[in-house]
Amino acid sequence: MNKVVVNEAVQEWVSRFGPNDEDRLIEQATIGKTMAFIVLQSACGYLDKEEAFGLLTSLSTYMELLSKVEPK
């Protein structure tokens, strides 16, 4: 997994973002699971720490932005 893959996933999440808070909560849960997966991959040595940090930073920024978006 690299930044390109995460950025593509973020774009997919943005395009799927729905009109209500339930959709937003589902997206945030998905992001949380992805972040946990990245941490585990880094801890097991499959990702180096710098790459994991970059991925986690991108996802946390997206999650913060998502939390500020008003439902349509």
C-alpha atoms as a PDB file:
ATOM      1  CA  MET A   1       0.000   0.000   0.000  1.00  0.00           C
ATOM      2  CA  ASN A   2       1.366   3.426  -0.869  1.00  0.00           C
ATOM      3  CA  LYS A   3       0.233   7.042  -1.021  1.00  0.00           C
ATOM      4  CA  VAL A   4      -1.186   6.657  -4.541  1.00  0.00           C
ATOM      5  CA  VAL A   5      -3.405   3.795  -3.401  1.00  0.00           C
ATOM      6  CA  VAL A   6      -4.581   5.782  -0.375  1.00  0.00           C
ATOM      7  CA  ASN A   7      -5.236   8.895  -2.465  1.00  0.00           C
ATOM      8  CA  GLU A   8      -7.302   6.835  -4.912  1.00  0.00           C
ATOM      9  CA  ALA A   9      -9.255   5.389  -1.989  1.00  0.00           C
ATOM     10  CA  VAL A  10      -9.815   8.873  -0.580  1.00  0.00           C
ATOM     11  CA  GLN A  11     -11.134  10.062  -3.950  1.00  0.00           C
ATOM     12  CA  GLU A  12     -13.469   7.069  -4.060  1.00  0.00           C
ATOM     13  CA  TRP A  13     -14.744   7.905  -0.568  1.00  0.00           C
ATOM     14  CA  VAL A  14     -15.269  11.541  -1.563  1.00  0.00           C
ATOM     15  CA  SER A  15     -17.292  10.543  -4.625  1.00  0.00           C
ATOM     16  CA  ARG A  16     -19.407   8.119  -2.543  1.00  0.00           C
ATOM     17  CA  PHE A  17     -20.060  10.545   0.293  1.00  0.00           C
ATOM     18  CA  GLY A  18     -23.772  10.567   0.838  1.00  0.00           C
ATOM     19  CA  PRO A  19     -26.372  13.045   1.950  1.00  0.00           C
ATOM     20  CA  ASN A  20     -26.580  12.191   5.646  1.00  0.00           C
ATOM     21  CA  ASP A  21     -24.591  11.634   8.819  1.00  0.00           C
ATOM     22  CA  GLU A  22     -24.971   7.851   8.664  1.00  0.00           C
ATOM     23  CA  ASP A  23     -22.940   7.799   5.442  1.00  0.00           C
ATOM     24  CA  ARG A  24     -20.305   9.989   7.059  1.00  0.00           C
ATOM     25  CA  LEU A  25     -20.040   7.683  10.085  1.00  0.00           C
ATOM     26  CA  ILE A  26     -19.643   4.656   7.837  1.00  0.00           C
ATOM     27  CA  GLU A  27     -16.844   6.402   5.948  1.00  0.00           C
ATOM     28  CA  GLN A  28     -15.112   7.390   9.185  1.00  0.00           C
ATOM     29  CA  ALA A  29     -15.317   3.805  10.447  1.00  0.00           C
ATOM     30  CA  THR A  30     -13.807   2.585   7.182  1.00  0.00           C
ATOM     31  CA  ILE A  31     -10.980   5.090   7.490  1.00  0.00           C
ATOM     32  CA  GLY A  32     -10.379   4.006  11.085  1.00  0.00           C
ATOM     33  CA  LYS A  33     -10.091   0.376  10.002  1.00  0.00           C
ATOM     34  CA  THR A  34      -7.665   1.350   7.254  1.00  0.00           C
ATOM     35  CA  MET A  35      -5.555   3.315   9.722  1.00  0.00           C
ATOM     36  CA  ALA A  36      -5.427   0.324  12.074  1.00  0.00           C
ATOM     37  CA  PHE A  37      -4.352  -1.882   9.167  1.00  0.00           C
ATOM     38  CA  ILE A  38      -1.530   0.534   8.305  1.00  0.00           C
ATOM     39  CA  VAL A  39      -0.318   0.531  11.924  1.00  0.00           C
ATOM     40  CA  LEU A  40      -0.320  -3.276  11.993  1.00  0.00           C
ATOM     41  CA  GLN A  41       1.512  -3.489   8.665  1.00  0.00           C
ATOM     42  CA  SER A  42       4.142  -1.069   9.953  1.00  0.00           C
ATOM     43  CA  ALA A  43       4.523  -2.928  13.248  1.00  0.00           C
ATOM     44  CA  CYS A  44       5.049  -6.204  11.366  1.00  0.00           C
ATOM     45  CA  GLY A  45       7.683  -4.623   9.132  1.00  0.00           C
ATOM     46  CA  TYR A  46       5.701  -4.623   5.879  1.00  0.00           C
ATOM     47  CA  LEU A  47       5.730  -0.804   5.697  1.00  0.00           C
ATOM     48  CA  ASP A  48       8.574   1.433   6.747  1.00  0.00           C
ATOM     49  CA  LYS A  49       7.796   3.999   9.415  1.00  0.00           C
ATOM     50  CA  GLU A  50       8.044   7.007   7.097  1.00  0.00           C
ATOM     51  CA  GLU A  51       5.620   5.539   4.579  1.00  0.00           C
ATOM     52  CA  ALA A  52       3.198   4.534   7.343  1.00  0.00           C
ATOM     53  CA  PHE A  53       3.397   8.021   8.849  1.00  0.00           C
ATOM     54  CA  GLY A  54       2.629   9.612   5.473  1.00  0.00           C
ATOM     55  CA  LEU A  55      -0.349   7.338   4.903  1.00  0.00           C
ATOM     56  CA  LEU A  56      -1.724   7.926   8.393  1.00  0.00           C
ATOM     57  CA  THR A  57      -1.295  11.680   8.014  1.00  0.00           C
ATOM     58  CA  SER A  58      -3.226  11.660   4.728  1.00  0.00           C
ATOM     59  CA  LEU A  59      -6.050   9.600   6.198  1.00  0.00           C
ATOM     60  CA  SER A  60      -6.302  11.635   9.392  1.00  0.00           C
ATOM     61  CA  THR A  61      -6.441  14.850   7.355  1.00  0.00           C
ATOM     62  CA  TYR A  62      -9.230  13.390   5.235  1.00  0.00           C
ATOM     63  CA  MET A  63     -11.118  12.230   8.327  1.00  0.00           C
ATOM     64  CA  GLU A  64     -10.854  15.705   9.831  1.00  0.00           C
ATOM     65  CA  LEU A  65     -12.178  17.282   6.633  1.00  0.00           C
ATOM     66  CA  LEU A  66     -14.978  14.737   6.451  1.00  0.00           C
ATOM     67  CA  SER A  67     -16.057  15.571   9.994  1.00  0.00           C
ATOM     68  CA  LYS A  68     -16.461  19.234   8.996  1.00  0.00           C
ATOM     69  CA  VAL A  69     -18.566  18.639   5.865  1.00  0.00           C
ATOM     70  CA  GLU A  70     -22.218  19.473   6.253  1.00  0.00           C
ATOM     71  CA  PRO A  71     -24.685  16.888   4.912  1.00  0.00           C
ATOM     72  CA  LYS A  72     -26.158  17.833   1.542  1.00  0.00           C
END
